[in-house]
C-alpha atoms as a PDB file:
ATOM      1  CA  MET A   1      44.614 -35.126  97.703  1.00  0.00           C
ATOM      2  CA  SER A   2      47.908 -36.553  99.437  1.00  0.00           C
ATOM      3  CA  GLY A   3      50.465 -33.944 100.769  1.00  0.00           C
ATOM      4  CA  LYS A   4      53.107 -35.078  98.357  1.00  0.00           C
ATOM      5  CA  VAL A   5      50.803 -34.512  95.307  1.00  0.00           C
ATOM      6  CA  PHE A   6      49.765 -31.365  96.732  1.00  0.00           C
ATOM      7  CA  TYR A   7      53.420 -30.255  97.160  1.00  0.00           C
ATOM      8  CA  VAL A   8      54.466 -31.370  93.414  1.00  0.00           C
ATOM      9  CA  LEU A   9      51.547 -29.379  91.958  1.00  0.00           C
ATOM     10  CA  SER A  10      52.038 -26.268  94.057  1.00  0.00           C
ATOM     11  CA  THR A  11      55.783 -26.463  93.247  1.00  0.00           C
ATOM     12  CA  LEU A  12      54.830 -27.103  89.387  1.00  0.00           C
ATOM     13  CA  ILE A  13      52.360 -23.889  89.541  1.00  0.00           C
ATOM     14  CA  ALA A  14      55.051 -21.748  91.423  1.00  0.00           C
ATOM     15  CA  PHE A  15      57.742 -22.603  88.539  1.00  0.00           C
ATOM     16  CA  VAL A  16      55.032 -21.484  86.034  1.00  0.00           C
ATOM     17  CA  LEU A  17      53.934 -18.135  87.345  1.00  0.00           C
ATOM     18  CA  ALA A  18      57.367 -17.444  87.953  1.00  0.00           C
ATOM     19  CA  PHE A  19      58.297 -18.280  84.222  1.00  0.00           C
ATOM     20  CA  GLY A  20      55.330 -16.162  83.484  1.00  0.00           C
ATOM     21  CA  VAL A  21      56.380 -13.029  85.697  1.00  0.00           C
ATOM     22  CA  PHE A  22      60.133 -13.506  84.291  1.00  0.00           C
ATOM     23  CA  ILE A  23      59.235 -13.604  80.629  1.00  0.00           C
ATOM     24  CA  ARG A  24      56.378 -10.705  80.900  1.00  0.00           C
ATOM     25  CA  PHE A  25      58.610  -8.125  82.985  1.00  0.00           C
ATOM     26  CA  ASN A  26      62.190  -8.935  81.684  1.00  0.00           C
ATOM     27  CA  PRO A  27      63.425  -5.884  80.071  1.00  0.00           C
ATOM     28  CA  VAL A  28      64.870  -5.877  76.589  1.00  0.00           C
ATOM     29  CA  ASP A  29      68.096  -4.376  75.915  1.00  0.00           C
ATOM     30  CA  ALA A  30      67.987  -1.746  73.097  1.00  0.00           C
ATOM     31  CA  GLY A  31      71.951  -2.133  72.651  1.00  0.00           C
ATOM     32  CA  ALA A  32      71.473  -5.625  71.467  1.00  0.00           C
ATOM     33  CA  TYR A  33      68.102  -5.550  69.370  1.00  0.00           C
ATOM     34  CA  HIS A  34      68.184  -1.853  67.929  1.00  0.00           C
ATOM     35  CA  ARG A  35      70.200  -2.659  64.637  1.00  0.00           C
ATOM     36  CA  GLN A  36      69.601  -3.088  61.089  1.00  0.00           C
ATOM     37  CA  VAL A  37      70.287  -6.563  59.582  1.00  0.00           C
ATOM     38  CA  ALA A  38      71.505  -6.803  56.311  1.00  0.00           C
ATOM     39  CA  PHE A  39      69.191  -8.718  53.559  1.00  0.00           C
ATOM     40  CA  THR A  40      67.363  -8.180  50.582  1.00  0.00           C
ATOM     41  CA  GLY A  41      63.876  -9.139  49.681  1.00  0.00           C
ATOM     42  CA  ASN A  42      62.256 -11.226  52.091  1.00  0.00           C
ATOM     43  CA  SER A  43      64.612 -13.232  54.594  1.00  0.00           C
ATOM     44  CA  GLN A  44      63.131 -16.059  56.613  1.00  0.00           C
ATOM     45  CA  GLY A  45      65.364 -16.830  59.871  1.00  0.00           C
ATOM     46  CA  THR A  46      64.348 -19.436  62.186  1.00  0.00           C
ATOM     47  CA  ASN A  47      63.453 -16.910  64.807  1.00  0.00           C
ATOM     48  CA  SER A  48      63.133 -13.929  62.653  1.00  0.00           C
ATOM     49  CA  PHE A  49      61.818 -12.587  59.497  1.00  0.00           C
ATOM     50  CA  GLY A  50      62.327  -9.530  57.377  1.00  0.00           C
ATOM     51  CA  VAL A  51      60.826  -7.795  54.400  1.00  0.00           C
ATOM     52  CA  GLU A  52      62.170  -4.984  52.020  1.00  0.00           C
ATOM     53  CA  ILE A  53      59.729  -2.587  50.575  1.00  0.00           C
ATOM     54  CA  PRO A  54      60.166  -0.285  47.752  1.00  0.00           C
ATOM     55  CA  ALA A  55      59.449   3.147  49.411  1.00  0.00           C
ATOM     56  CA  GLY A  56      58.129   4.783  46.462  1.00  0.00           C
ATOM     57  CA  THR A  57      58.467   8.486  45.527  1.00  0.00           C
ATOM     58  CA  ASP A  58      58.275   9.528  49.217  1.00  0.00           C
ATOM     59  CA  PRO A  59      60.299   7.406  51.157  1.00  0.00           C
ATOM     60  CA  GLN A  60      60.277   9.183  54.443  1.00  0.00           C
ATOM     61  CA  ALA A  61      56.395   9.423  54.433  1.00  0.00           C
ATOM     62  CA  MET A  62      56.181   5.976  53.808  1.00  0.00           C
ATOM     63  CA  PHE A  63      58.809   5.187  56.786  1.00  0.00           C
ATOM     64  CA  GLU A  64      56.417   7.562  59.072  1.00  0.00           C
ATOM     65  CA  ARG A  65      53.386   5.847  57.832  1.00  0.00           C
ATOM     66  CA  ALA A  66      54.989   2.690  58.954  1.00  0.00           C
ATOM     67  CA  ALA A  67      56.177   4.026  62.171  1.00  0.00           C
ATOM     68  CA  LEU A  68      52.705   5.154  63.182  1.00  0.00           C
ATOM     69  CA  MET A  69      51.474   2.286  62.153  1.00  0.00           C
ATOM     70  CA  ILE A  70      53.333  -0.140  64.201  1.00  0.00           C
ATOM     71  CA  ALA A  71      53.632   2.109  67.129  1.00  0.00           C
ATOM     72  CA  ASP A  72      49.621   1.280  67.234  1.00  0.00           C
ATOM     73  CA  ALA A  73      49.974  -2.082  66.752  1.00  0.00           C
ATOM     74  CA  PRO A  74      48.330  -4.224  70.087  1.00  0.00           C
ATOM     75  CA  ARG A  75      50.993  -4.719  72.743  1.00  0.00           C
ATOM     76  CA  THR A  76      53.520  -2.981  71.214  1.00  0.00           C
ATOM     77  CA  ARG A  77      55.962  -0.245  72.481  1.00  0.00           C
ATOM     78  CA  PRO A  78      58.946   1.870  71.138  1.00  0.00           C
ATOM     79  CA  LEU A  79      62.261   0.512  72.220  1.00  0.00           C
ATOM     80  CA  ALA A  80      64.926   2.988  70.473  1.00  0.00           C
ATOM     81  CA  GLY A  81      65.563   4.983  67.862  1.00  0.00           C
ATOM     82  CA  ASP A  82      64.443   8.407  66.078  1.00  0.00           C
ATOM     83  CA  PRO A  83      62.051   8.495  63.156  1.00  0.00           C
ATOM     84  CA  ALA A  84      63.906  11.690  62.023  1.00  0.00           C
ATOM     85  CA  LYS A  85      66.915   9.515  61.823  1.00  0.00           C
ATOM     86  CA  GLY A  86      65.396   6.751  59.440  1.00  0.00           C
ATOM     87  CA  HIS A  87      65.507   3.975  62.238  1.00  0.00           C
ATOM     88  CA  VAL A  88      63.347   3.104  65.095  1.00  0.00           C
ATOM     89  CA  SER A  89      62.517   0.004  67.079  1.00  0.00           C
ATOM     90  CA  PHE A  90      59.730  -1.323  68.851  1.00  0.00           C
ATOM     91  CA  VAL A  91      58.743  -4.588  71.063  1.00  0.00           C
ATOM     92  CA  THR A  92      55.450  -6.443  70.647  1.00  0.00           C
ATOM     93  CA  ARG A  93      54.656  -8.871  73.394  1.00  0.00           C
ATOM     94  CA  SER A  94      52.446 -11.953  72.973  1.00  0.00           C
ATOM     95  CA  ARG A  95      48.821 -12.086  74.414  1.00  0.00           C
ATOM     96  CA  VAL A  96      49.385 -14.651  77.316  1.00  0.00           C
ATOM     97  CA  TRP A  97      52.916 -15.097  78.308  1.00  0.00           C
ATOM     98  CA  GLY A  98      54.258 -11.643  76.989  1.00  0.00           C
ATOM     99  CA  PHE A  99      57.173 -13.302  74.778  1.00  0.00           C
ATOM    100  CA  PRO A 100      58.618 -10.132  73.369  1.00  0.00           C
ATOM    101  CA  ASP A 101      59.422  -9.944  69.669  1.00  0.00           C
ATOM    102  CA  VAL A 102      61.655  -6.840  68.283  1.00  0.00           C
ATOM    103  CA  THR A 103      60.736  -4.868  65.124  1.00  0.00           C
ATOM    104  CA  ASN A 104      63.423  -2.667  63.775  1.00  0.00           C
ATOM    105  CA  LEU A 105      62.267  -0.280  60.940  1.00  0.00           C
ATOM    106  CA  TRP A 106      64.512   1.756  58.833  1.00  0.00           C
ATOM    107  CA  LEU A 107      65.122   3.492  55.249  1.00  0.00           C
ATOM    108  CA  SER A 108      67.776   2.541  53.210  1.00  0.00           C
ATOM    109  CA  GLY A 109      68.379   3.356  49.236  1.00  0.00           C
ATOM    110  CA  GLY A 110      64.967   3.970  48.508  1.00  0.00           C
ATOM    111  CA  SER A 111      63.731   0.727  50.317  1.00  0.00           C
ATOM    112  CA  LEU A 112      61.842   0.221  53.861  1.00  0.00           C
ATOM    113  CA  PHE A 113      63.301  -2.477  55.607  1.00  0.00           C
ATOM    114  CA  LEU A 114      61.421  -4.118  58.560  1.00  0.00           C
ATOM    115  CA  HIS A 115      62.992  -7.162  60.546  1.00  0.00           C
ATOM    116  CA  GLY A 116      61.416  -8.961  63.407  1.00  0.00           C
ATOM    117  CA  GLN A 117      63.048 -11.017  65.903  1.00  0.00           C
ATOM    118  CA  ALA A 118      62.010 -13.347  68.732  1.00  0.00           C
ATOM    119  CA  VAL A 119      63.997 -12.192  71.954  1.00  0.00           C
ATOM    120  CA  PHE A 120      63.828 -15.657  73.479  1.00  0.00           C
ATOM    121  CA  GLY A 121      63.649 -19.057  72.047  1.00  0.00           C
ATOM    122  CA  GLN A 122      65.109 -20.919  68.778  1.00  0.00           C
ATOM    123  CA  SER A 123      61.707 -20.434  66.921  1.00  0.00           C
ATOM    124  CA  ASP A 124      59.057 -17.419  66.703  1.00  0.00           C
ATOM    125  CA  LEU A 125      56.413 -20.029  65.281  1.00  0.00           C
ATOM    126  CA  GLY A 126      55.996 -17.965  62.088  1.00  0.00           C
ATOM    127  CA  VAL A 127      54.834 -14.973  64.240  1.00  0.00           C
ATOM    128  CA  ASN A 128      56.947 -12.124  62.932  1.00  0.00           C
ATOM    129  CA  ARG A 129      56.304 -13.438  59.228  1.00  0.00           C
ATOM    130  CA  ALA A 130      52.468 -12.972  59.669  1.00  0.00           C
ATOM    131  CA  ARG A 131      52.909  -9.863  61.517  1.00  0.00           C
ATOM    132  CA  LEU A 132      55.581  -8.103  59.017  1.00  0.00           C
ATOM    133  CA  THR A 133      53.558  -9.583  56.056  1.00  0.00           C
ATOM    134  CA  GLY A 134      50.306  -8.260  57.428  1.00  0.00           C
ATOM    135  CA  TRP A 135      52.123  -4.663  57.912  1.00  0.00           C
ATOM    136  CA  ARG A 136      53.340  -5.082  54.376  1.00  0.00           C
ATOM    137  CA  GLN A 137      50.035  -5.748  52.802  1.00  0.00           C
ATOM    138  CA  ALA A 138      48.796  -2.522  54.942  1.00  0.00           C
ATOM    139  CA  LEU A 139      51.440  -0.097  53.757  1.00  0.00           C
ATOM    140  CA  ALA A 140      50.810  -1.361  49.850  1.00  0.00           C
ATOM    141  CA  GLN A 141      47.209  -0.727  50.710  1.00  0.00           C
ATOM    142  CA  GLY A 142      48.176   2.960  51.662  1.00  0.00           C
ATOM    143  CA  GLY A 143      47.694   2.216  55.440  1.00  0.00           C
END
């Protein structure tokens, strides 16, 4: 391998690794992402997805089940909020690169709202829709 090719490949690998470290370890600003996004029903954005779920006869119990289920999801950690106040946020990171998505969970008017949003990029490639739809189905089945 010539010196120039080695230099180009080494530089490219260094940039890819630096990008990966930046994405994986860049903190998520709770002030920017711990919020309630106004929508009704299902809401699809380019880098987000939201679902509204009727909370049934015991909204607080459903909220607590949902918060526990989300907290137990792989690669997920709490970001902000207090379950006693009816609004919590979580960060879920992708498996390989660690891209962060923020999920907000809150109660309002007898409904449970879930809103997932990618922190980086113009598209989440449908990841939040799949994740939130799965959680909605699990809650409907008593999960």
